[in-house]
Amino acid sequence: MPFTSGKQAFLEILKQEGVEIMFGNPGTTELPLMDGLAREPGIRYILALQESVAIAMADGYAQASGKLAAVNVHTSPGLGNAMGMLYDAMKAGSPLLLTAGQHDQAMNLTEPILWSDLPPVARPYVKWSHEITRIDDLPRAVRRAAKTARAHPTGPVFISLPVDVLNAERQVDLLETTRVAPRIRGDKTAIEAAADLLAKAQRPIIISGDAVAHGDGLAEMADVAELLGAPVYAECVPSTCSFPFTHPLYAGAFPRLGPPIRALLMKHDLILSVGGDLFTLSLPSDLDPWEIGKNYPAKVAIQGDPKATLPDLAEALRRRLSSEALKAAKARTEELGKAREARVADLKKRAQAEAGLTPITPLSLVAAVAEATPDDAIVVDESISSGGGLRDLLKSRDAKAFFGLRGGGIGWGLPAALGIKLAQPGRPVVALVGDGSAMYTIQSLWTASHDAIPVVYVIFNNASYRILKQRTLALKGFSFEDDKYVAMDLVNPRLDYVGLAKSMGVAGELVEKSADVGPAMHRGLASGGPYLIDVRIDGAFKS
């Protein structure tokens, strides 16, 4: 057993668990850890100027890399600041190890400033929460945390690190990595039963959820969909490219409101949900039995990894479907493909008709962004209320091509894009962020500049919290003529995002015509560094 300090042991275990980057914002209780990092070249530290930025960067990195993401914050206030983005990470199922520094245990009974009992604070939003009290327990606790974060259903974990534990020195067995194999295959009998139902269905519909993308199961999902000739929808609150946006059977995101859900389902006689949220009432994961049938009964419920299980379902379908049925499925696929092409053509036609309007309409901006985005780019979407048509117009085809806000806690997009770029350095990253969302984590721009992380940001600037205005109209039934809202406008003064970016070392420009969006994006992508484009868009509503 090596003679080591707690901080050295902690960092060495992180390296063995595959951690190459740590995100964070340190304080006095983190000084032992920072001292250890000064002597540990194997882990790069990315400094955030606020804890929510650090968490969202780690969230994006975890999703885009599939690796364990490490993030450290400063005791009680730091953990408190982190909770909003930790909620988003929990909803996205991101394998994230969050640590917070804690006072020397000899002081804790006196309840010094900044002290609190940290594990209960984090517990609602993590899979496991613990405070290490002895250096002897550190290896076991960190190994357990890393295993738990990556075991399905994946998600964040939390460890509190007291100063005295990090500074302690003795012989310590670092133990070894444990990884729970993720490719769980669904029960064969249940798969056969599901195939029976699907083969008999006349008008099936498929919901492809984020678990499909997280498990790199798009090809397997497409195989099943094509056998059935069934339209495929992303789940209600999608955060990934869980089915190729360009596929003939892709039908967009599943509706989130009751009337359109009922109208859609009346056209179909069977729903196949694969790792997807059937309705907005639940967050799914077909790898988590808690979510299956939680709110609505399932005729056949299968727990299994999509990539491992879908081939079994496809094989069961091939044994059941006649040549006539397969021909009919192919014909439906071609028909749905033509319908998709018509839908995309209509969107482009409408965008073209609006192209000369000032201020820029949201649709014309989305079309311009989609046109200028390279085919191999990763798009990070937090455009919230102004991103209509985005999934139809983008060419995202693979599981890492698109990431969106999952939990609903805004401010995620700016920092998450940085973590995603660090995880996928060989691909361009374009982040579409609403102006209100941007102000939650505007400090991200400093980190982008400081660490030279080349992300192109497009700010959808309607000078308001437009989503709240939409909800006000939907819930209250106010007429459009009222047009009066309390605390929903970002004016007097109107925010200068280009000025904010430049103050933190990020180049940028203001765009007020849709024809200028593409050239601005090309300049940003060619710059080799972070770049911000502030696009003034129309915040008005159309019936």
Protein backbone atom coordinates (compact mmCIF):
# COMPACT_ATOMS: atom_id res chain seq x y z
CA MET A 1 0.00 0.00 0.00
CA PRO A 2 1.45 3.42 -0.93
CA PHE A 3 2.10 6.10 1.67
CA THR A 4 0.06 9.08 0.49
CA SER A 5 -2.10 12.03 1.49
CA GLY A 6 -5.86 12.15 1.18
CA LYS A 7 -5.68 14.72 -1.61
CA GLN A 8 -3.14 12.68 -3.57
CA ALA A 9 -5.18 9.52 -3.10
CA PHE A 10 -8.35 11.28 -4.23
CA LEU A 11 -6.79 12.62 -7.43
CA GLU A 12 -5.04 9.34 -8.24
CA ILE A 13 -8.34 7.46 -7.92
CA LEU A 14 -10.04 10.01 -10.20
CA LYS A 15 -7.35 9.43 -12.82
CA GLN A 16 -7.83 5.69 -12.57
CA GLU A 17 -11.57 6.23 -13.04
CA GLY A 18 -10.86 8.03 -16.32
CA VAL A 19 -11.14 11.64 -15.15
CA GLU A 20 -8.99 14.03 -17.20
CA ILE A 21 -10.80 17.30 -16.46
CA MET A 22 -12.19 18.74 -13.24
CA PHE A 23 -14.61 21.67 -13.26
CA GLY A 24 -15.03 23.90 -10.26
CA ASN A 25 -14.97 27.10 -8.26
CA PRO A 26 -12.74 26.82 -5.18
CA GLY A 27 -12.82 28.43 -1.74
CA THR A 28 -10.84 28.02 1.47
CA THR A 29 -12.13 24.51 2.20
CA GLU A 30 -10.90 23.42 -1.25
CA LEU A 31 -7.32 24.67 -0.77
CA PRO A 32 -5.89 21.20 -0.01
CA LEU A 33 -7.43 19.93 -3.23
CA MET A 34 -6.06 22.87 -5.23
CA ASP A 35 -2.63 22.19 -3.70
CA GLY A 36 -2.90 18.61 -4.88
CA LEU A 37 -3.93 19.71 -8.37
CA ALA A 38 -0.87 21.98 -8.57
CA ARG A 39 1.21 18.80 -8.38
CA GLU A 40 -1.03 16.66 -10.58
CA PRO A 41 -0.53 17.37 -14.31
CA GLY A 42 -2.83 14.51 -15.30
CA ILE A 43 -6.01 16.44 -14.43
CA ARG A 44 -6.86 19.76 -16.07
CA TYR A 45 -8.81 22.18 -13.87
CA ILE A 46 -11.44 24.38 -15.60
CA LEU A 47 -12.31 27.39 -13.48
CA ALA A 48 -15.87 28.69 -13.42
CA LEU A 49 -16.76 32.03 -11.85
CA GLN A 50 -19.95 30.63 -10.30
CA GLU A 51 -20.90 27.14 -9.22
CA SER A 52 -23.89 26.72 -11.52
CA VAL A 53 -21.52 27.27 -14.46
CA ALA A 54 -19.21 24.54 -13.17
CA ILE A 55 -22.05 22.03 -12.76
CA ALA A 56 -23.52 22.69 -16.20
CA MET A 57 -20.10 22.40 -17.84
CA ALA A 58 -19.61 19.05 -16.12
CA ASP A 59 -23.13 17.99 -17.14
CA GLY A 60 -22.45 18.76 -20.79
CA TYR A 61 -19.07 17.04 -20.64
CA ALA A 62 -20.55 13.90 -19.08
CA GLN A 63 -23.30 13.66 -21.69
CA ALA A 64 -21.03 14.30 -24.66
CA SER A 65 -18.13 12.10 -23.52
CA GLY A 66 -19.94 9.30 -21.72
CA LYS A 67 -17.22 9.55 -19.07
CA LEU A 68 -17.42 10.34 -15.40
CA ALA A 69 -17.33 14.12 -14.96
CA ALA A 70 -15.72 15.56 -11.82
CA VAL A 71 -16.78 18.91 -10.39
CA ASN A 72 -15.87 20.58 -7.11
CA VAL A 73 -17.61 23.45 -5.28
CA HIS A 74 -17.07 25.44 -2.10
CA THR A 75 -18.84 24.03 0.97
CA SER A 76 -22.37 25.24 1.91
CA PRO A 77 -22.87 28.36 -0.26
CA GLY A 78 -21.18 26.71 -3.24
CA LEU A 79 -23.37 23.63 -3.02
CA GLY A 80 -26.40 25.88 -2.65
CA ASN A 81 -25.48 27.80 -5.80
CA ALA A 82 -25.01 24.50 -7.64
CA MET A 83 -28.43 23.01 -6.92
CA GLY A 84 -30.35 24.38 -9.92
CA MET A 85 -27.92 22.95 -12.47
CA LEU A 86 -27.55 19.77 -10.38
CA TYR A 87 -31.29 19.27 -10.87
CA ASP A 88 -30.80 19.49 -14.65
CA ALA A 89 -27.95 16.97 -14.46
CA MET A 90 -30.14 14.61 -12.48
CA LYS A 91 -32.94 14.85 -15.04
CA ALA A 92 -30.46 14.18 -17.85
CA GLY A 93 -28.97 11.19 -16.01
CA SER A 94 -25.45 12.58 -16.28
CA PRO A 95 -22.69 10.49 -14.63
CA LEU A 96 -21.26 13.27 -12.51
CA LEU A 97 -19.18 13.18 -9.32
CA LEU A 98 -19.82 16.37 -7.35
CA THR A 99 -17.59 17.09 -4.38
CA ALA A 100 -17.61 19.97 -1.93
CA GLY A 101 -14.96 20.97 0.55
CA GLN A 102 -15.86 20.75 4.24
CA HIS A 103 -14.28 22.30 7.34
CA ASP A 104 -11.75 20.42 9.43
CA GLN A 105 -13.86 18.05 11.53
CA ALA A 106 -12.24 19.34 14.74
CA MET A 107 -14.13 22.61 14.13
CA ASN A 108 -17.53 21.31 13.12
CA LEU A 109 -19.10 21.13 16.57
CA THR A 110 -18.56 24.89 16.88
CA GLU A 111 -20.54 25.36 13.64
CA PRO A 112 -18.06 27.73 11.97
CA ILE A 113 -19.03 30.12 9.21
CA LEU A 114 -19.95 28.38 5.92
CA TRP A 115 -20.41 25.03 7.69
CA SER A 116 -23.50 22.86 7.33
CA ASP A 117 -24.34 19.19 7.07
CA LEU A 118 -23.74 18.85 3.32
CA PRO A 119 -24.89 15.33 2.30
CA PRO A 120 -28.58 15.96 3.11
CA VAL A 121 -28.47 19.16 1.02
CA ALA A 122 -27.39 17.29 -2.10
CA ARG A 123 -29.38 14.10 -1.47
CA PRO A 124 -32.64 14.99 -3.32
CA TYR A 125 -30.77 15.40 -6.63
CA VAL A 126 -28.17 12.63 -6.49
CA LYS A 127 -28.08 8.84 -6.47
CA TRP A 128 -25.79 8.68 -3.42
CA SER A 129 -24.57 11.28 -0.95
CA HIS A 130 -21.84 10.87 1.68
CA GLU A 131 -19.28 12.70 3.81
CA ILE A 132 -15.90 10.99 4.25
CA THR A 133 -14.72 11.15 7.87
CA ARG A 134 -11.45 9.13 7.69
CA ILE A 135 -8.72 8.85 5.08
CA ASP A 136 -9.04 5.06 5.42
CA ASP A 137 -12.57 5.30 3.97
CA LEU A 138 -11.68 7.64 1.10
CA PRO A 139 -10.84 5.00 -1.53
CA ARG A 140 -13.95 2.95 -0.84
CA ALA A 141 -16.20 6.02 -0.90
CA VAL A 142 -14.76 7.46 -4.13
CA ARG A 143 -14.78 4.09 -5.88
CA ARG A 144 -18.39 3.54 -4.80
CA ALA A 145 -19.37 7.00 -6.01
CA ALA A 146 -17.75 6.48 -9.42
CA LYS A 147 -19.40 3.08 -9.84
CA THR A 148 -22.81 4.40 -8.78
CA ALA A 149 -22.70 7.43 -11.08
CA ARG A 150 -22.02 5.26 -14.14
CA ALA A 151 -24.29 2.33 -13.29
CA HIS A 152 -27.70 2.46 -14.98
CA PRO A 153 -29.73 4.49 -14.48
CA THR A 154 -26.74 6.85 -14.55
CA GLY A 155 -26.77 10.10 -12.59
CA PRO A 156 -24.92 12.47 -10.24
CA VAL A 157 -23.42 11.49 -6.89
CA PHE A 158 -22.05 13.68 -4.08
CA ILE A 159 -19.14 13.45 -1.64
CA SER A 160 -18.22 15.94 1.09
CA LEU A 161 -14.44 16.22 1.57
CA PRO A 162 -13.30 17.56 4.98
CA VAL A 163 -10.00 19.45 5.02
CA ASP A 164 -8.43 17.13 7.58
CA VAL A 165 -9.21 14.04 5.48
CA LEU A 166 -7.53 15.59 2.43
CA ASN A 167 -4.48 16.62 4.46
CA ALA A 168 -4.11 13.33 6.35
CA GLU A 169 -1.17 11.08 5.40
CA ARG A 170 -0.74 7.33 5.78
CA GLN A 171 -0.60 4.08 3.88
CA VAL A 172 -3.83 3.64 1.94
CA ASP A 173 -5.08 0.87 -0.34
CA LEU A 174 -6.51 2.72 -3.36
CA LEU A 175 -8.61 -0.32 -4.39
CA GLU A 176 -9.66 -0.81 -8.01
CA THR A 177 -12.33 0.37 -10.44
CA THR A 178 -15.69 -1.37 -10.59
CA ARG A 179 -17.82 -0.95 -13.69
CA VAL A 180 -21.30 -2.42 -13.99
CA ALA A 181 -21.72 -3.63 -17.59
CA PRO A 182 -24.46 -1.46 -19.16
CA ARG A 183 -25.78 -3.69 -21.95
CA ILE A 184 -28.72 -5.24 -20.11
CA ARG A 185 -30.79 -7.36 -22.51
CA GLY A 186 -34.51 -7.39 -22.01
CA ASP A 187 -36.42 -10.50 -20.98
CA LYS A 188 -36.87 -12.81 -23.99
CA THR A 189 -40.47 -13.74 -23.16
CA ALA A 190 -41.46 -10.09 -22.81
CA ILE A 191 -39.73 -9.24 -26.10
CA GLU A 192 -41.69 -11.98 -27.86
CA ALA A 193 -44.93 -10.65 -26.34
CA ALA A 194 -44.09 -7.13 -27.50
CA ALA A 195 -43.34 -8.43 -31.00
CA ASP A 196 -46.75 -10.15 -31.07
CA LEU A 197 -48.50 -6.87 -30.29
CA LEU A 198 -46.44 -4.87 -32.78
CA ALA A 199 -46.88 -7.37 -35.59
CA LYS A 200 -50.66 -7.23 -35.19
CA ALA A 201 -50.85 -3.44 -34.92
CA GLN A 202 -52.18 -1.57 -37.95
CA ARG A 203 -51.01 1.94 -37.01
CA PRO A 204 -48.19 1.79 -34.43
CA ILE A 205 -46.31 4.85 -33.22
CA ILE A 206 -42.81 4.91 -31.68
CA ILE A 207 -41.41 7.21 -28.98
CA SER A 208 -37.60 7.20 -29.07
CA GLY A 209 -36.19 8.63 -25.88
CA ASP A 210 -32.88 10.02 -24.70
CA ALA A 211 -31.81 6.59 -23.43
CA VAL A 212 -31.55 5.51 -27.08
CA ALA A 213 -29.00 8.25 -27.78
CA HIS A 214 -27.13 7.79 -24.51
CA GLY A 215 -26.68 4.12 -25.36
CA ASP A 216 -25.75 4.82 -29.01
CA GLY A 217 -28.78 2.87 -30.20
CA LEU A 218 -29.98 5.02 -33.12
CA ALA A 219 -29.23 2.41 -35.80
CA GLU A 220 -31.04 -0.29 -33.84
CA MET A 221 -34.02 2.02 -33.29
CA ALA A 222 -34.17 2.83 -37.00
CA ASP A 223 -34.13 -0.89 -37.87
CA VAL A 224 -37.22 -1.57 -35.74
CA ALA A 225 -39.00 1.54 -37.03
CA GLU A 226 -38.39 0.56 -40.66
CA LEU A 227 -39.67 -2.99 -40.08
CA LEU A 228 -42.93 -1.46 -38.85
CA GLY A 229 -43.06 1.58 -41.13
CA ALA A 230 -44.01 3.54 -38.00
CA PRO A 231 -43.51 7.26 -37.38
CA VAL A 232 -40.92 8.01 -34.70
CA TYR A 233 -41.27 10.90 -32.25
CA ALA A 234 -38.73 12.18 -29.78
CA GLU A 235 -39.99 12.17 -26.21
CA CYS A 236 -41.86 15.13 -24.73
CA VAL A 237 -38.82 16.97 -23.36
CA PRO A 238 -36.00 15.67 -25.56
CA SER A 239 -32.39 16.58 -24.86
CA THR A 240 -30.63 14.48 -27.50
CA CYS A 241 -30.77 13.37 -31.10
CA SER A 242 -32.51 10.11 -30.18
CA PHE A 243 -33.46 9.43 -33.81
CA PRO A 244 -31.83 10.90 -36.95
CA PHE A 245 -33.54 14.22 -37.74
CA THR A 246 -33.13 13.47 -41.45
CA HIS A 247 -34.71 9.99 -41.37
CA PRO A 248 -37.93 9.59 -43.41
CA LEU A 249 -39.77 8.25 -40.34
CA TYR A 250 -38.76 11.09 -38.01
CA ALA A 251 -41.90 12.99 -37.03
CA GLY A 252 -40.55 15.55 -34.54
CA ALA A 253 -41.02 15.87 -30.80
CA PHE A 254 -44.03 14.35 -29.05
CA PRO A 255 -46.58 17.01 -27.98
CA ARG A 256 -46.56 18.28 -24.40
CA LEU A 257 -50.18 19.39 -24.03
CA GLY A 258 -53.28 17.24 -23.59
CA PRO A 259 -55.36 18.16 -26.67
CA PRO A 260 -52.58 17.63 -29.25
CA ILE A 261 -51.52 14.41 -27.49
CA ARG A 262 -55.07 13.07 -27.75
CA ALA A 263 -55.38 14.18 -31.37
CA LEU A 264 -52.14 12.41 -32.27
CA LEU A 265 -52.86 9.18 -30.43
CA MET A 266 -56.32 8.85 -31.94
CA LYS A 267 -54.56 8.13 -35.25
CA HIS A 268 -52.69 5.12 -33.86
CA ASP A 269 -53.54 1.81 -32.23
CA LEU A 270 -50.30 1.00 -30.36
CA ILE A 271 -47.44 2.93 -28.72
CA LEU A 272 -43.91 1.56 -28.53
CA SER A 273 -41.90 3.69 -26.11
CA VAL A 274 -38.17 3.00 -26.00
CA GLY A 275 -36.47 4.91 -23.21
CA GLY A 276 -38.91 7.74 -23.81
CA ASP A 277 -41.23 10.01 -21.89
CA LEU A 278 -44.76 9.15 -22.98
CA PHE A 279 -46.21 12.24 -21.35
CA THR A 280 -44.80 15.23 -19.52
CA LEU A 281 -45.83 13.76 -16.17
CA SER A 282 -42.78 11.52 -15.84
CA LEU A 283 -39.10 11.31 -16.67
CA PRO A 284 -38.38 7.97 -18.27
CA SER A 285 -35.55 5.58 -18.57
CA ASP A 286 -36.19 2.11 -19.82
CA LEU A 287 -33.19 1.11 -17.73
CA ASP A 288 -34.97 2.20 -14.55
CA PRO A 289 -37.91 -0.07 -13.63
CA TRP A 290 -39.36 2.69 -11.45
CA GLU A 291 -40.31 4.67 -14.56
CA ILE A 292 -41.98 1.79 -16.43
CA GLY A 293 -45.71 1.94 -15.87
CA LYS A 294 -45.24 4.58 -13.16
CA ASN A 295 -48.21 6.69 -14.21
CA TYR A 296 -49.86 4.67 -16.97
CA PRO A 297 -50.05 0.86 -17.32
CA ALA A 298 -47.92 -0.86 -19.94
CA LYS A 299 -49.22 -3.95 -21.73
CA VAL A 300 -45.65 -5.25 -21.96
CA ALA A 301 -42.91 -3.74 -19.79
CA ILE A 302 -39.28 -4.52 -20.62
CA GLN A 303 -36.23 -3.38 -18.69
CA GLY A 304 -33.25 -3.37 -21.01
CA ASP A 305 -30.60 -1.31 -22.71
CA PRO A 306 -31.95 -0.13 -26.10
CA LYS A 307 -28.83 -1.03 -28.09
CA ALA A 308 -28.73 -4.52 -26.57
CA THR A 309 -32.47 -5.20 -26.62
CA LEU A 310 -33.74 -3.67 -29.87
CA PRO A 311 -31.93 -6.22 -32.09
CA ASP A 312 -33.82 -8.99 -30.27
CA LEU A 313 -37.08 -7.16 -30.90
CA ALA A 314 -36.18 -6.65 -34.56
CA GLU A 315 -35.41 -10.35 -34.97
CA ALA A 316 -38.69 -11.29 -33.28
CA LEU A 317 -40.55 -8.98 -35.67
CA ARG A 318 -38.82 -10.44 -38.74
CA ARG A 319 -40.05 -13.88 -37.74
CA ARG A 320 -43.61 -12.61 -37.52
CA LEU A 321 -43.98 -10.16 -40.37
CA SER A 322 -44.95 -11.55 -43.74
CA SER A 323 -43.42 -10.34 -46.99
CA GLU A 324 -46.64 -8.42 -47.65
CA ALA A 325 -46.41 -6.74 -44.23
CA LEU A 326 -42.77 -5.77 -44.87
CA LYS A 327 -43.70 -4.31 -48.27
CA ALA A 328 -46.51 -2.34 -46.63
CA ALA A 329 -44.07 -1.05 -44.01
CA LYS A 330 -41.66 0.06 -46.73
CA ALA A 331 -44.50 1.85 -48.51
CA ARG A 332 -45.50 3.62 -45.28
CA THR A 333 -41.86 4.64 -44.75
CA GLU A 334 -41.75 6.19 -48.23
CA GLU A 335 -45.09 7.93 -47.65
CA LEU A 336 -44.00 9.32 -44.29
CA GLY A 337 -40.70 10.37 -45.84
CA LYS A 338 -42.53 12.40 -48.46
CA ALA A 339 -44.68 13.95 -45.74
CA ARG A 340 -41.52 14.88 -43.82
CA GLU A 341 -39.99 16.43 -46.95
CA ALA A 342 -43.17 18.44 -47.49
CA ARG A 343 -43.11 19.61 -43.86
CA VAL A 344 -39.48 20.73 -44.16
CA ALA A 345 -40.15 22.41 -47.51
CA ASP A 346 -43.08 24.30 -45.99
CA LEU A 347 -40.92 25.48 -43.10
CA LYS A 348 -38.24 26.69 -45.49
CA LYS A 349 -40.83 28.44 -47.66
CA ARG A 350 -42.28 30.24 -44.63
CA ALA A 351 -38.80 31.16 -43.42
CA GLN A 352 -37.94 32.55 -46.85
CA ALA A 353 -41.13 34.61 -46.90
CA GLU A 354 -40.14 36.10 -43.52
CA ALA A 355 -36.47 36.57 -44.42
CA GLY A 356 -36.75 40.28 -45.14
CA LEU A 357 -38.68 41.20 -42.00
CA THR A 358 -37.18 43.36 -39.27
CA PRO A 359 -36.87 42.48 -36.46
CA ILE A 360 -35.89 38.96 -37.50
CA THR A 361 -38.57 36.34 -36.94
CA PRO A 362 -37.67 33.27 -34.86
CA LEU A 363 -38.35 30.92 -37.78
CA SER A 364 -36.17 32.85 -40.22
CA LEU A 365 -33.36 32.82 -37.62
CA VAL A 366 -33.72 29.07 -37.06
CA ALA A 367 -33.61 28.48 -40.82
CA ALA A 368 -30.54 30.65 -41.24
CA VAL A 369 -28.76 28.90 -38.36
CA ALA A 370 -29.62 25.45 -39.74
CA GLU A 371 -28.36 26.42 -43.18
CA ALA A 372 -25.04 27.73 -41.82
CA THR A 373 -24.39 24.90 -39.36
CA PRO A 374 -21.78 22.40 -40.62
CA ASP A 375 -23.04 18.84 -41.08
CA ASP A 376 -20.61 17.51 -38.47
CA ALA A 377 -21.41 20.20 -35.89
CA ILE A 378 -22.89 19.62 -32.46
CA VAL A 379 -25.85 21.90 -31.72
CA VAL A 380 -26.60 22.83 -28.11
CA ASP A 381 -30.13 24.13 -27.81
CA GLU A 382 -31.55 26.40 -25.12
CA SER A 383 -33.53 28.61 -27.47
CA ILE A 384 -36.63 27.81 -25.35
CA SER A 385 -39.67 29.49 -26.93
CA SER A 386 -38.04 30.65 -30.18
CA GLY A 387 -36.67 27.38 -31.54
CA GLY A 388 -39.72 26.11 -33.42
CA GLY A 389 -38.75 24.09 -36.48
CA LEU A 390 -35.17 23.57 -35.33
CA ARG A 391 -35.27 19.77 -35.23
CA ASP A 392 -36.89 19.60 -38.67
CA LEU A 393 -34.35 21.91 -40.30
CA LEU A 394 -31.13 20.66 -38.69
CA LYS A 395 -29.24 17.73 -40.23
CA SER A 396 -28.37 16.03 -36.92
CA ARG A 397 -27.94 12.31 -37.51
CA ASP A 398 -25.89 10.82 -34.66
CA ALA A 399 -26.23 10.46 -30.90
CA LYS A 400 -23.70 13.24 -30.18
CA ALA A 401 -25.02 15.75 -32.72
CA PHE A 402 -27.60 17.50 -30.56
CA PHE A 403 -28.03 18.32 -26.87
CA GLY A 404 -30.87 20.25 -25.29
CA LEU A 405 -32.00 21.41 -21.88
CA ARG A 406 -33.55 18.46 -20.05
CA GLY A 407 -34.50 19.55 -16.56
CA GLY A 408 -35.94 22.96 -17.39
CA GLY A 409 -33.63 24.96 -15.11
CA ILE A 410 -32.52 27.72 -17.48
CA GLY A 411 -28.96 28.96 -17.78
CA TRP A 412 -27.69 25.53 -18.83
CA GLY A 413 -26.80 26.24 -22.46
CA LEU A 414 -23.84 28.65 -22.20
CA PRO A 415 -21.75 26.47 -19.84
CA ALA A 416 -22.97 23.08 -21.10
CA ALA A 417 -21.68 23.96 -24.57
CA LEU A 418 -18.20 24.43 -23.11
CA GLY A 419 -18.25 21.01 -21.47
CA ILE A 420 -19.55 19.45 -24.69
CA LYS A 421 -16.77 21.06 -26.74
CA LEU A 422 -14.14 19.81 -24.28
CA ALA A 423 -15.61 16.31 -24.62
CA GLN A 424 -15.78 16.49 -28.43
CA PRO A 425 -12.85 18.74 -29.43
CA GLY A 426 -12.82 17.59 -33.05
CA ARG A 427 -16.36 18.79 -33.84
CA PRO A 428 -17.66 22.38 -34.22
CA VAL A 429 -20.08 23.36 -31.45
CA VAL A 430 -22.87 25.89 -32.00
CA ALA A 431 -24.99 26.90 -29.01
CA LEU A 432 -28.39 28.53 -29.42
CA VAL A 433 -29.33 30.33 -26.21
CA GLY A 434 -32.20 32.60 -25.26
CA ASP A 435 -31.29 36.02 -23.92
CA GLY A 436 -32.97 35.41 -20.56
CA SER A 437 -31.22 32.05 -20.18
CA ALA A 438 -27.86 33.60 -21.04
CA MET A 439 -28.00 36.03 -18.14
CA TYR A 440 -28.25 33.21 -15.61
CA THR A 441 -24.73 32.02 -16.41
CA ILE A 442 -23.15 34.85 -18.41
CA GLN A 443 -19.91 34.22 -16.45
CA SER A 444 -19.44 31.22 -18.77
CA LEU A 445 -18.02 33.58 -21.38
CA TRP A 446 -15.03 34.32 -19.14
CA THR A 447 -14.25 30.60 -18.89
CA ALA A 448 -14.66 30.26 -22.67
CA SER A 449 -12.07 33.00 -23.17
CA HIS A 450 -9.75 31.99 -20.33
CA ASP A 451 -9.50 28.39 -21.53
CA ALA A 452 -9.77 29.22 -25.27
CA ILE A 453 -12.79 26.96 -25.83
CA PRO A 454 -14.08 27.59 -29.37
CA VAL A 455 -17.88 27.62 -29.13
CA VAL A 456 -20.06 29.80 -31.37
CA TYR A 457 -22.95 31.26 -29.38
CA VAL A 458 -26.09 32.57 -31.07
CA ILE A 459 -28.19 34.61 -28.64
CA PHE A 460 -31.90 34.57 -29.47
CA ASN A 461 -32.54 38.09 -28.20
CA ASN A 462 -36.20 39.09 -27.89
CA ALA A 463 -35.56 41.26 -24.80
CA SER A 464 -37.96 39.23 -22.70
CA TYR A 465 -38.81 36.01 -20.90
CA ARG A 466 -41.01 35.08 -23.85
CA ILE A 467 -41.80 31.61 -22.52
CA LEU A 468 -43.53 33.22 -19.52
CA LYS A 469 -45.62 35.38 -21.81
CA GLN A 470 -46.61 32.29 -23.76
CA ARG A 471 -47.61 30.49 -20.59
CA THR A 472 -49.52 33.54 -19.34
CA LEU A 473 -51.60 33.55 -22.50
CA ALA A 474 -52.12 29.80 -22.41
CA LEU A 475 -53.10 29.62 -18.75
CA LYS A 476 -55.03 32.86 -18.34
CA GLY A 477 -56.53 33.21 -21.78
CA PHE A 478 -55.59 36.87 -21.97
CA SER A 479 -56.18 38.53 -25.33
CA PHE A 480 -53.23 39.55 -27.48
CA GLU A 481 -54.35 43.16 -27.21
CA ASP A 482 -53.59 43.20 -23.48
CA ASP A 483 -49.85 42.84 -24.11
CA LYS A 484 -49.04 43.79 -20.51
CA TYR A 485 -46.77 41.60 -18.44
CA VAL A 486 -45.13 42.11 -15.07
CA ALA A 487 -41.41 41.30 -14.75
CA MET A 488 -41.14 39.56 -18.12
CA ASP A 489 -39.23 42.15 -20.21
CA LEU A 490 -35.47 42.69 -20.31
CA VAL A 491 -35.51 46.39 -21.18
CA ASN A 492 -34.63 49.76 -19.62
CA PRO A 493 -31.81 49.10 -20.17
CA ARG A 494 -31.73 46.54 -22.96
CA LEU A 495 -28.82 44.17 -22.44
CA ASP A 496 -25.72 44.49 -24.62
CA TYR A 497 -24.54 40.91 -25.10
CA VAL A 498 -21.74 41.84 -27.49
CA GLY A 499 -20.45 44.31 -24.93
CA LEU A 500 -20.71 41.74 -22.15
CA ALA A 501 -18.85 39.20 -24.27
CA LYS A 502 -16.07 41.62 -25.16
CA SER A 503 -15.64 42.57 -21.50
CA MET A 504 -14.80 38.90 -20.83
CA GLY A 505 -12.51 38.47 -23.82
CA VAL A 506 -14.99 36.93 -26.27
CA ALA A 507 -15.36 38.44 -29.73
CA GLY A 508 -18.85 39.07 -31.04
CA GLU A 509 -21.19 41.01 -33.26
CA LEU A 510 -24.76 42.24 -33.42
CA VAL A 511 -27.02 40.95 -36.21
CA GLU A 512 -30.35 42.52 -37.14
CA LYS A 513 -31.04 40.96 -40.57
CA SER A 514 -31.55 37.26 -41.27
CA ALA A 515 -29.29 37.45 -44.34
CA ASP A 516 -26.40 38.39 -42.03
CA VAL A 517 -26.79 35.37 -39.70
CA GLY A 518 -24.98 32.86 -41.93
CA PRO A 519 -21.94 35.05 -42.64
CA ALA A 520 -21.67 35.88 -38.93
CA MET A 521 -21.70 32.18 -38.04
CA HIS A 522 -19.04 31.45 -40.64
CA ARG A 523 -16.85 34.18 -39.14
CA GLY A 524 -17.38 32.73 -35.69
CA LEU A 525 -16.54 29.19 -36.75
CA ALA A 526 -13.46 30.40 -38.61
CA SER A 527 -12.22 32.48 -35.67
CA GLY A 528 -10.79 29.50 -33.82
CA GLY A 529 -12.04 30.82 -30.49
CA PRO A 530 -15.26 31.55 -28.63
CA TYR A 531 -17.58 33.89 -30.54
CA LEU A 532 -20.94 35.45 -29.69
CA ILE A 533 -23.62 36.55 -32.15
CA ASP A 534 -26.39 38.70 -30.65
CA VAL A 535 -29.45 38.35 -32.91
CA ARG A 536 -32.32 40.76 -32.34
CA ILE A 537 -35.52 38.83 -32.96
CA ASP A 538 -39.21 39.61 -32.89
CA GLY A 539 -40.75 38.82 -29.52
CA ALA A 540 -44.33 39.21 -30.69
CA PHE A 541 -46.84 36.34 -30.73
CA LYS A 542 -48.76 35.04 -33.69
CA SER A 543 -52.05 33.23 -33.36
